[in-house]
Amino acid sequence: MTELAHREAIAEQLKTFIDPDKVRIDDESLQSHGCDWTKLYTVDPLAIVFPKTIEQVQALVKFASEQKIALVPSGGRTGLSGGAVATNGEIVVSFDYMNQISEFNPVDRTVVCQAGVITQQLQDYAQEQGLYYPVDFASAGSSQVGGNIATNAGGIKVIKYGMTRDWVAGLKVVTGTGELLDLNNDLLKNNTGYDLRHLFAGSEGTLGLICEATMRLTRPPKDLSVLVLGVPAMSAIMEILKAFQADMELTAFEFFSESGCQLTTAHGLQRPFESATPFYVLIEYENQSQADTDKAMAVFEYCMEQGWVEDGVISQSEQQAENLWALRENLSECCAPFTPYKNDVSVTVSKVPGFLEDIDTVVSNAYPDFTLVWWGHIGDGNLHLNILKPETMEKDEFFAKCQAVNKQVFEIVQNYGGSISAEHGVGLVKKGYLEYTRSATDIAIMRGIKHAFDPNNIINPGKLFD
């Protein structure tokens, strides 16, 4: 049987329990839904399916198990680790049509979302109820709730609100044997043994298919103000963080490098102030009274006196706050045309200055002609290193050069007791480096957990570990 004939035969069998127009084997669908934002792999799925109910997902898993065909879950495909990439004849399971929000509970402040609900869709729904869903990041307009849970997405508000796992009250998941698990029943307190719900947060779709989630909401922040400060040295950033946190509760504490500022301002944004500094800190806080303003100004002046800050600006309107945020939030989009090589690493907050300096030295010495762009959620120890491809260099050569220095970078991560992946996951891109963060015993236990939920190894195999 030819490859096309096999593909068509499988598609006909899938159509017996998936809506016929929701089974696709055309080249355009295979290419568009078999990938994520990584550009390192050849995409080669067998078929794309779009289930609409949990029952269809269960039937699909049982069929795949019988046929010994792997399944790759697909959300908004905004991942950067290859976790949603199908490279070896898998069936891609897209949750685009499982995208309904239901069962809002104003007392519990919870809402039930199918896996395909877009992050911004949830944020907008919460706002309509006078509430707030605080997990936020640049891809909120396309990422999906199921994928956010599977990667335990973080973003720009972690310093106050935590990661996605902190907002998951309950889950409905189909395991690798087709069983449906209803986890935690949305309880705040449930001390009855292992909380299986949390195993799925950050599992990268390797344990089962997340179909539905009950998400917690909270009160919206009020009267947010944004400060952008020019900082002469990385070591000063931690002093600034300590000074502000001593007197104020922050909703965000971000940073970016001058090279990043040059990119965003080249794309139409204005510099925050006239002078240029090696680093910039963006601070967001609730400014509900004159007392809040006075407190922020007092800390700012103290930081200036200490020499930790050279210049600064505070938003005077909602529009100005958005413009200041854009200096940080637009960085990924502005880097994209340069085919950047990305690293997403973390250490405990107190270790950030020495950690960044060590990595910057290694990468700068290895590639003095490459442009390095730093940014990150530095208030929670998460740094993003982006190496920009020179215009005259071929992509394969560029990626090979960047990967050659990975070992040195991850050795530094290991020495600092950090993580090789703070929020993007491991997927295909980093699975060869997992040992720099997790011990052999850790990995063996994770393999055992994988086998318990997916004994036939059909749910996103080859991701995290082989």
Protein backbone atom coordinates (compact mmCIF):
# COMPACT_ATOMS: atom_id res chain seq x y z
CA MET A 1 0.00 0.00 0.00
CA THR A 2 1.35 3.42 -0.93
CA GLU A 3 1.74 6.14 1.67
CA LEU A 4 -1.18 8.08 0.19
CA ALA A 5 -3.40 4.99 0.14
CA HIS A 6 -2.53 4.26 3.77
CA ARG A 7 -3.31 7.84 4.73
CA GLU A 8 -6.65 7.70 2.93
CA ALA A 9 -7.55 4.36 4.55
CA ILE A 10 -6.81 5.68 8.05
CA ALA A 11 -8.81 8.83 7.29
CA GLU A 12 -11.87 6.75 6.31
CA GLN A 13 -11.67 4.83 9.59
CA LEU A 14 -11.32 8.07 11.56
CA LYS A 15 -14.46 9.42 9.90
CA THR A 16 -16.51 6.66 11.54
CA PHE A 17 -16.27 8.43 14.91
CA ILE A 18 -14.95 11.94 14.06
CA ASP A 19 -17.13 14.29 11.95
CA PRO A 20 -16.01 13.63 8.33
CA ASP A 21 -15.26 17.31 7.67
CA LYS A 22 -13.07 17.34 10.78
CA VAL A 23 -10.59 14.78 9.40
CA ARG A 24 -7.98 16.27 7.08
CA ILE A 25 -5.10 14.82 5.12
CA ASP A 26 -4.42 17.61 2.63
CA ASP A 27 -0.88 18.97 2.53
CA GLU A 28 -1.81 22.44 3.73
CA SER A 29 -3.52 21.13 6.87
CA LEU A 30 -0.73 18.64 7.57
CA GLN A 31 1.91 21.36 7.40
CA SER A 32 0.00 24.06 9.28
CA HIS A 33 -1.20 21.85 12.15
CA GLY A 34 1.77 19.51 12.47
CA CYS A 35 4.12 22.21 13.77
CA ASP A 36 4.64 24.87 16.41
CA TRP A 37 6.80 28.02 16.38
CA THR A 38 10.05 26.04 16.23
CA LYS A 39 11.69 25.91 12.80
CA LEU A 40 14.07 23.01 13.40
CA TYR A 41 12.08 19.94 12.32
CA THR A 42 10.55 18.40 9.22
CA VAL A 43 6.81 18.11 9.74
CA ASP A 44 5.29 14.75 8.71
CA PRO A 45 1.92 13.91 10.35
CA LEU A 46 -0.38 11.15 9.10
CA ALA A 47 -3.62 13.11 9.56
CA ILE A 48 -5.17 16.02 11.44
CA VAL A 49 -8.36 15.48 13.43
CA PHE A 50 -10.61 18.03 15.11
CA PRO A 51 -12.71 16.29 17.77
CA LYS A 52 -15.73 18.16 19.15
CA THR A 53 -16.55 16.09 22.23
CA ILE A 54 -14.78 14.16 24.97
CA GLU A 55 -16.42 10.99 23.67
CA GLN A 56 -14.77 11.51 20.29
CA VAL A 57 -11.40 11.99 22.01
CA GLN A 58 -11.87 8.73 23.90
CA ALA A 59 -12.78 6.88 20.70
CA LEU A 60 -9.72 8.35 18.99
CA VAL A 61 -7.35 7.22 21.75
CA LYS A 62 -8.75 3.69 21.69
CA PHE A 63 -8.44 3.57 17.89
CA ALA A 64 -4.86 4.87 18.01
CA SER A 65 -3.96 2.29 20.66
CA GLU A 66 -5.38 -0.55 18.55
CA GLN A 67 -3.64 0.70 15.40
CA LYS A 68 -0.39 1.55 17.27
CA ILE A 69 -0.47 5.11 15.91
CA ALA A 70 0.88 7.94 18.05
CA LEU A 71 -1.16 11.05 18.84
CA VAL A 72 0.23 14.58 19.10
CA PRO A 73 -2.01 17.09 20.93
CA SER A 74 -2.17 20.50 19.28
CA GLY A 75 -3.43 23.75 20.79
CA GLY A 76 -2.56 27.20 19.49
CA ARG A 77 0.81 25.86 18.26
CA THR A 78 2.65 28.79 19.85
CA GLY A 79 5.18 26.59 21.66
CA LEU A 80 8.92 27.06 21.28
CA SER A 81 10.18 23.60 22.25
CA GLY A 82 8.76 21.33 19.54
CA GLY A 83 6.22 19.84 21.96
CA ALA A 84 3.40 19.98 19.37
CA VAL A 85 5.47 18.97 16.35
CA ALA A 86 4.53 15.78 14.48
CA THR A 87 7.59 14.39 12.70
CA ASN A 88 6.91 10.67 12.39
CA GLY A 89 3.48 9.85 10.95
CA GLU A 90 1.42 10.75 14.02
CA ILE A 91 -2.22 11.82 14.12
CA VAL A 92 -2.40 15.43 15.27
CA VAL A 93 -5.29 16.11 17.64
CA SER A 94 -6.36 19.74 17.29
CA PHE A 95 -8.72 21.18 19.91
CA ASP A 96 -9.75 24.16 17.75
CA TYR A 97 -13.43 23.08 17.79
CA MET A 98 -13.55 22.29 21.52
CA ASN A 99 -13.62 25.98 22.34
CA GLN A 100 -16.64 26.64 24.53
CA ILE A 101 -16.83 28.45 27.89
CA SER A 102 -19.59 27.36 30.26
CA GLU A 103 -20.69 27.01 33.88
CA PHE A 104 -19.53 30.31 35.32
CA ASN A 105 -19.80 30.23 39.11
CA PRO A 106 -19.72 33.75 40.63
CA VAL A 107 -19.44 32.45 44.20
CA ASP A 108 -16.50 30.15 43.57
CA ARG A 109 -15.14 32.50 40.90
CA THR A 110 -14.62 29.62 38.48
CA VAL A 111 -15.44 28.97 34.85
CA VAL A 112 -15.38 25.75 32.83
CA CYS A 113 -13.37 25.92 29.60
CA GLN A 114 -12.89 23.36 26.87
CA ALA A 115 -9.24 22.81 25.95
CA GLY A 116 -9.42 24.89 22.77
CA VAL A 117 -10.54 28.13 24.44
CA ILE A 118 -8.14 30.93 23.46
CA THR A 119 -6.38 32.61 26.39
CA GLN A 120 -7.66 36.06 25.42
CA GLN A 121 -11.16 34.61 25.05
CA LEU A 122 -10.97 33.55 28.72
CA GLN A 123 -9.53 36.92 29.73
CA ASP A 124 -12.34 38.77 27.92
CA TYR A 125 -14.99 36.50 29.43
CA ALA A 126 -13.63 37.10 32.92
CA GLN A 127 -13.71 40.85 32.31
CA GLU A 128 -17.37 40.64 31.25
CA GLN A 129 -18.11 39.09 34.66
CA GLY A 130 -16.22 41.85 36.47
CA LEU A 131 -13.34 39.45 37.20
CA TYR A 132 -9.84 38.79 35.93
CA TYR A 133 -7.82 35.89 34.53
CA PRO A 134 -4.23 36.95 35.26
CA VAL A 135 -2.03 34.55 33.28
CA ASP A 136 -0.88 36.72 30.39
CA PHE A 137 1.79 36.62 27.68
CA ALA A 138 2.48 37.77 24.14
CA SER A 139 0.68 34.82 22.51
CA ALA A 140 -2.57 35.29 24.50
CA GLY A 141 -4.42 35.96 21.26
CA SER A 142 -3.68 32.50 19.83
CA SER A 143 -2.57 30.15 22.63
CA GLN A 144 -5.18 27.78 24.07
CA VAL A 145 -6.07 26.88 27.65
CA GLY A 146 -5.26 23.18 27.20
CA GLY A 147 -1.81 24.01 25.83
CA ASN A 148 -1.24 26.56 28.58
CA ILE A 149 -1.89 23.89 31.20
CA ALA A 150 0.21 21.29 29.40
CA THR A 151 3.16 23.70 29.38
CA ASN A 152 2.31 25.38 32.72
CA ALA A 153 2.52 28.75 30.98
CA GLY A 154 3.73 31.72 33.02
CA GLY A 155 4.18 35.10 31.40
CA ILE A 156 4.42 38.66 32.62
CA LYS A 157 2.37 38.55 35.86
CA VAL A 158 4.00 35.59 37.62
CA ILE A 159 5.56 37.71 40.37
CA LYS A 160 2.05 38.37 41.75
CA TYR A 161 -0.22 35.72 40.28
CA GLY A 162 1.93 32.64 39.74
CA MET A 163 1.83 30.10 36.90
CA THR A 164 -1.10 28.48 35.07
CA ARG A 165 -1.17 25.54 37.49
CA ASP A 166 -2.16 27.96 40.28
CA TRP A 167 -5.42 28.74 38.47
CA VAL A 168 -6.56 25.20 37.60
CA ALA A 169 -9.37 24.10 39.92
CA GLY A 170 -10.20 20.88 38.06
CA LEU A 171 -9.45 18.91 34.91
CA LYS A 172 -11.06 16.36 32.63
CA VAL A 173 -8.37 14.30 30.91
CA VAL A 174 -8.40 11.28 28.61
CA THR A 175 -5.49 8.95 29.39
CA GLY A 176 -3.49 6.80 26.95
CA THR A 177 -5.95 3.94 27.50
CA GLY A 178 -9.00 6.06 26.68
CA GLU A 179 -10.18 6.41 30.28
CA LEU A 180 -11.67 9.73 31.39
CA LEU A 181 -10.26 11.21 34.60
CA ASP A 182 -12.24 13.93 36.41
CA LEU A 183 -9.59 15.47 38.66
CA ASN A 184 -10.14 17.43 41.90
CA ASN A 185 -13.82 18.28 41.33
CA ASP A 186 -12.95 22.00 41.54
CA LEU A 187 -12.28 21.83 45.28
CA LEU A 188 -10.14 24.37 47.13
CA LYS A 189 -9.24 21.80 49.78
CA ASN A 190 -8.96 18.14 48.87
CA ASN A 191 -6.46 16.24 50.99
CA THR A 192 -7.14 12.72 49.74
CA GLY A 193 -3.81 11.59 48.42
CA TYR A 194 -1.96 12.43 45.21
CA ASP A 195 -3.26 15.47 43.35
CA LEU A 196 -3.15 14.04 39.84
CA ARG A 197 -4.34 17.39 38.45
CA HIS A 198 -0.92 18.90 39.02
CA LEU A 199 0.85 16.12 37.12
CA PHE A 200 -0.79 17.37 33.94
CA ALA A 201 0.39 20.96 34.44
CA GLY A 202 3.72 20.98 32.64
CA SER A 203 3.37 17.41 31.31
CA GLU A 204 3.65 18.69 27.69
CA GLY A 205 0.80 16.43 26.57
CA THR A 206 2.70 13.22 27.36
CA LEU A 207 0.33 11.76 29.97
CA GLY A 208 -3.05 12.26 28.34
CA LEU A 209 -5.24 14.67 26.39
CA ILE A 210 -6.59 17.60 28.41
CA CYS A 211 -10.18 18.11 27.24
CA GLU A 212 -11.70 20.47 29.81
CA ALA A 213 -10.52 22.64 32.69
CA THR A 214 -12.19 24.57 35.47
CA MET A 215 -10.22 27.78 35.82
CA ARG A 216 -10.19 30.13 38.80
CA LEU A 217 -10.68 33.87 38.37
CA THR A 218 -9.86 36.77 40.69
CA ARG A 219 -10.64 40.45 41.15
CA PRO A 220 -9.20 42.74 38.47
CA PRO A 221 -6.27 44.98 39.38
CA LYS A 222 -7.12 48.66 39.66
CA ASP A 223 -5.44 51.76 38.26
CA LEU A 224 -2.25 50.15 37.03
CA SER A 225 0.80 52.38 36.58
CA VAL A 226 4.01 51.50 34.77
CA LEU A 227 7.54 52.65 35.53
CA VAL A 228 10.43 52.11 33.11
CA LEU A 229 13.87 52.67 34.63
CA GLY A 230 17.26 52.88 32.95
CA VAL A 231 19.77 50.68 34.78
CA PRO A 232 23.57 50.85 34.38
CA ALA A 233 24.39 47.32 35.60
CA MET A 234 22.65 43.97 35.97
CA SER A 235 23.61 43.78 39.66
CA ALA A 236 21.55 46.93 40.30
CA ILE A 237 18.35 45.27 39.04
CA MET A 238 18.10 43.01 42.07
CA GLU A 239 18.65 45.96 44.39
CA ILE A 240 15.82 47.81 42.65
CA LEU A 241 13.54 44.77 43.00
CA LYS A 242 14.35 44.46 46.70
CA ALA A 243 13.73 48.18 47.30
CA PHE A 244 10.34 48.21 45.58
CA GLN A 245 9.14 44.93 47.10
CA ALA A 246 10.02 46.17 50.58
CA ASP A 247 7.36 48.90 50.32
CA MET A 248 4.97 47.86 47.54
CA GLU A 249 3.16 44.89 46.04
CA LEU A 250 4.11 44.63 42.36
CA THR A 251 2.04 43.08 39.59
CA ALA A 252 5.02 42.80 37.20
CA PHE A 253 8.80 43.25 37.23
CA GLU A 254 10.34 42.79 33.79
CA PHE A 255 13.64 43.67 32.16
CA PHE A 256 15.15 44.02 28.69
CA SER A 257 18.51 44.97 27.27
CA GLU A 258 19.52 48.03 25.24
CA SER A 259 19.81 45.79 22.17
CA GLY A 260 16.13 44.96 22.65
CA CYS A 261 15.22 48.61 23.06
CA GLN A 262 16.94 49.35 19.76
CA LEU A 263 14.84 46.69 18.05
CA THR A 264 11.47 47.90 19.32
CA THR A 265 12.24 51.57 18.71
CA ALA A 266 13.35 50.71 15.16
CA HIS A 267 9.79 49.40 14.70
CA GLY A 268 8.09 52.67 15.58
CA LEU A 269 8.08 52.84 19.38
CA GLN A 270 9.58 55.81 21.20
CA ARG A 271 12.44 55.45 23.64
CA PRO A 272 11.22 55.66 27.24
CA PHE A 273 13.62 58.58 27.80
CA GLU A 274 16.42 60.27 25.92
CA SER A 275 19.41 58.50 27.45
CA ALA A 276 20.39 54.90 26.66
CA THR A 277 21.40 52.44 29.38
CA PRO A 278 22.61 48.82 29.22
CA PHE A 279 19.38 47.50 30.81
CA TYR A 280 15.82 48.62 31.47
CA VAL A 281 13.42 47.58 34.21
CA LEU A 282 9.65 47.71 33.75
CA ILE A 283 7.64 47.83 36.98
CA GLU A 284 3.84 47.64 37.20
CA TYR A 285 1.80 48.29 40.36
CA GLU A 286 -1.69 49.31 41.44
CA ASN A 287 -1.79 53.08 41.86
CA GLN A 288 -5.09 53.72 43.63
CA SER A 289 -4.24 56.80 45.68
CA GLN A 290 -1.81 59.66 46.06
CA ALA A 291 -0.16 57.63 48.78
CA ASP A 292 0.67 54.90 46.24
CA THR A 293 2.15 57.50 43.90
CA ASP A 294 4.20 59.05 46.69
CA LYS A 295 5.50 55.66 47.76
CA ALA A 296 6.59 54.73 44.23
CA MET A 297 8.31 58.09 43.76
CA ALA A 298 10.11 57.78 47.08
CA VAL A 299 11.52 54.36 46.15
CA PHE A 300 12.45 55.62 42.69
CA GLU A 301 14.35 58.58 44.18
CA TYR A 302 16.09 56.28 46.65
CA CYS A 303 17.25 54.04 43.78
CA MET A 304 18.54 57.11 41.91
CA GLU A 305 20.50 58.20 45.00
CA GLN A 306 22.10 54.76 45.25
CA GLY A 307 23.23 54.92 41.61
CA TRP A 308 21.06 51.92 40.65
CA VAL A 309 18.95 53.99 38.24
CA GLU A 310 20.13 56.61 35.74
CA ASP A 311 16.78 57.75 34.36
CA GLY A 312 13.11 56.82 34.48
CA VAL A 313 9.57 57.53 33.38
CA ILE A 314 6.15 56.80 34.90
CA SER A 315 2.97 56.42 32.87
CA GLN A 316 0.52 59.32 33.07
CA SER A 317 -2.30 57.59 31.17
CA GLU A 318 -3.52 54.16 30.17
CA GLN A 319 -2.22 54.73 26.63
CA GLN A 320 1.23 55.64 27.88
CA ALA A 321 1.26 52.54 30.07
CA GLU A 322 0.45 50.43 26.99
CA ASN A 323 3.24 52.13 25.04
CA LEU A 324 5.77 51.43 27.78
CA TRP A 325 4.65 47.81 27.98
CA ALA A 326 5.07 47.52 24.21
CA LEU A 327 8.82 48.14 24.62
CA ARG A 328 8.96 44.79 26.41
CA GLU A 329 6.03 42.89 24.90
CA ASN A 330 6.91 43.56 21.24
CA LEU A 331 10.41 42.14 21.56
CA SER A 332 9.58 38.63 20.41
CA GLU A 333 7.79 39.91 17.30
CA CYS A 334 10.64 42.32 16.51
CA CYS A 335 13.21 39.51 16.85
CA ALA A 336 11.28 37.09 14.62
CA PRO A 337 12.59 38.38 11.25
CA PHE A 338 16.13 37.61 12.45
CA THR A 339 15.33 33.87 12.95
CA PRO A 340 16.50 34.02 16.58
CA TYR A 341 17.94 31.13 18.53
CA LYS A 342 16.10 31.20 21.86
CA ASN A 343 17.03 30.02 25.32
CA ASP A 344 14.58 30.18 28.20
CA VAL A 345 16.30 29.54 31.53
CA SER A 346 15.77 30.30 35.21
CA VAL A 347 17.47 30.42 38.60
CA THR A 348 16.36 31.63 42.00
CA VAL A 349 15.90 35.39 41.90
CA SER A 350 18.88 36.24 44.11
CA LYS A 351 21.28 34.45 41.72
CA VAL A 352 20.16 36.26 38.56
CA PRO A 353 22.95 38.91 38.23
CA GLY A 354 25.89 36.51 38.43
CA PHE A 355 24.05 33.93 36.35
CA LEU A 356 23.30 36.36 33.53
CA GLU A 357 26.83 37.75 33.57
CA ASP A 358 28.35 34.25 33.31
CA ILE A 359 26.12 33.22 30.41
CA ASP A 360 26.55 36.54 28.61
CA THR A 361 30.35 36.14 28.84
CA VAL A 362 30.28 32.60 27.41
CA VAL A 363 27.96 33.45 24.51
CA SER A 364 29.66 36.78 23.70
CA ASN A 365 33.10 35.13 23.63
CA ALA A 366 31.84 32.29 21.44
CA TYR A 367 30.00 34.55 19.01
CA PRO A 368 31.37 38.10 19.15
CA ASP A 369 29.67 38.98 15.85
CA PHE A 370 26.18 37.86 16.94
CA THR A 371 23.66 40.26 18.48
CA LEU A 372 22.39 39.13 21.90
CA VAL A 373 18.99 40.34 23.08
CA TRP A 374 18.03 39.74 26.71
CA TRP A 375 14.61 40.07 28.26
CA GLY A 376 12.59 38.27 30.84
CA HIS A 377 10.39 37.99 33.89
CA ILE A 378 13.31 38.79 36.09
CA GLY A 379 11.12 39.20 39.17
CA ASP A 380 10.71 35.42 39.18
CA GLY A 381 14.20 34.51 37.94
CA ASN A 382 13.25 33.77 34.31
CA LEU A 383 15.60 35.01 31.57
CA HIS A 384 15.17 34.81 27.80
CA LEU A 385 18.34 34.88 25.72
CA ASN A 386 17.81 35.53 22.02
CA ILE A 387 20.71 35.26 19.58
CA LEU A 388 19.95 36.96 16.27
CA LYS A 389 21.00 35.36 12.98
CA PRO A 390 23.28 37.52 10.82
CA GLU A 391 21.63 38.32 7.50
CA THR A 392 24.43 36.70 5.47
CA MET A 393 24.46 33.38 7.39
CA GLU A 394 22.37 30.35 6.41
CA LYS A 395 19.86 29.14 9.00
CA ASP A 396 21.35 25.65 9.39
CA GLU A 397 24.84 27.04 9.95
CA PHE A 398 23.52 29.57 12.45
CA PHE A 399 21.57 27.03 14.50
CA ALA A 400 24.54 24.64 14.48
CA LYS A 401 26.80 27.37 15.87
CA CYS A 402 24.30 28.24 18.60
CA GLN A 403 23.76 24.62 19.58
CA ALA A 404 27.52 24.14 19.87
CA VAL A 405 27.59 26.42 22.89
CA ASN A 406 24.51 24.91 24.57
CA LYS A 407 26.60 22.57 26.69
CA GLN A 408 28.50 25.48 28.24
CA VAL A 409 25.29 27.44 28.82
CA PHE A 410 23.53 24.51 30.47
CA GLU A 411 26.55 23.69 32.60
CA ILE A 412 26.23 27.20 34.02
CA VAL A 413 22.51 26.58 34.58
CA GLN A 414 23.38 23.36 36.42
CA ASN A 415 26.04 25.05 38.54
CA TYR A 416 23.49 27.66 39.65
CA GLY A 417 20.88 24.99 40.42
CA GLY A 418 18.62 26.40 37.70
CA SER A 419 16.32 25.11 35.00
CA ILE A 420 17.10 24.67 31.30
CA SER A 421 13.47 25.55 30.57
CA ALA A 422 11.68 28.08 32.74
CA GLU A 423 8.37 28.17 30.85
CA HIS A 424 8.72 26.96 27.24
CA GLY A 425 9.01 23.29 28.12
CA VAL A 426 11.41 20.57 26.99
CA GLY A 427 9.67 18.99 24.00
CA LEU A 428 12.08 17.93 21.27
CA VAL A 429 14.39 20.92 21.48
CA LYS A 430 15.77 20.37 24.98
CA LYS A 431 15.18 16.72 25.79
CA GLY A 432 18.86 15.95 25.18
CA TYR A 433 19.73 18.39 27.98
CA LEU A 434 17.17 17.32 30.57
CA GLU A 435 19.87 15.84 32.80
CA TYR A 436 21.26 19.31 33.46
CA THR A 437 18.15 20.08 35.53
CA ARG A 438 16.69 16.71 36.53
CA SER A 439 18.55 13.82 38.15
CA ALA A 440 18.62 10.28 36.77
CA THR A 441 16.26 9.27 39.59
CA ASP A 442 13.86 12.10 38.69
CA ILE A 443 13.79 11.02 35.05
CA ALA A 444 13.27 7.36 35.95
CA ILE A 445 10.27 8.29 38.11
CA MET A 446 8.86 10.48 35.33
CA ARG A 447 9.15 7.55 32.92
CA GLY A 448 7.22 5.42 35.41
CA ILE A 449 4.48 8.05 35.66
CA LYS A 450 4.30 8.24 31.86
CA HIS A 451 3.87 4.45 31.68
CA ALA A 452 1.10 4.48 34.30
CA PHE A 453 -1.00 6.96 32.32
CA ASP A 454 0.03 5.85 28.82
CA PRO A 455 1.17 2.20 28.89
CA ASN A 456 1.20 1.89 25.09
CA ASN A 457 3.25 5.09 24.64
CA ILE A 458 0.90 6.64 22.08
CA ILE A 459 0.36 10.09 23.66
CA ASN A 460 2.99 12.53 22.35
CA PRO A 461 5.88 10.02 22.47
CA GLY A 462 9.44 11.24 22.12
CA LYS A 463 8.74 14.52 23.92
CA LEU A 464 10.51 15.28 27.23
CA PHE A 465 12.43 11.98 26.92
CA ASP A 466 12.60 8.97 24.60
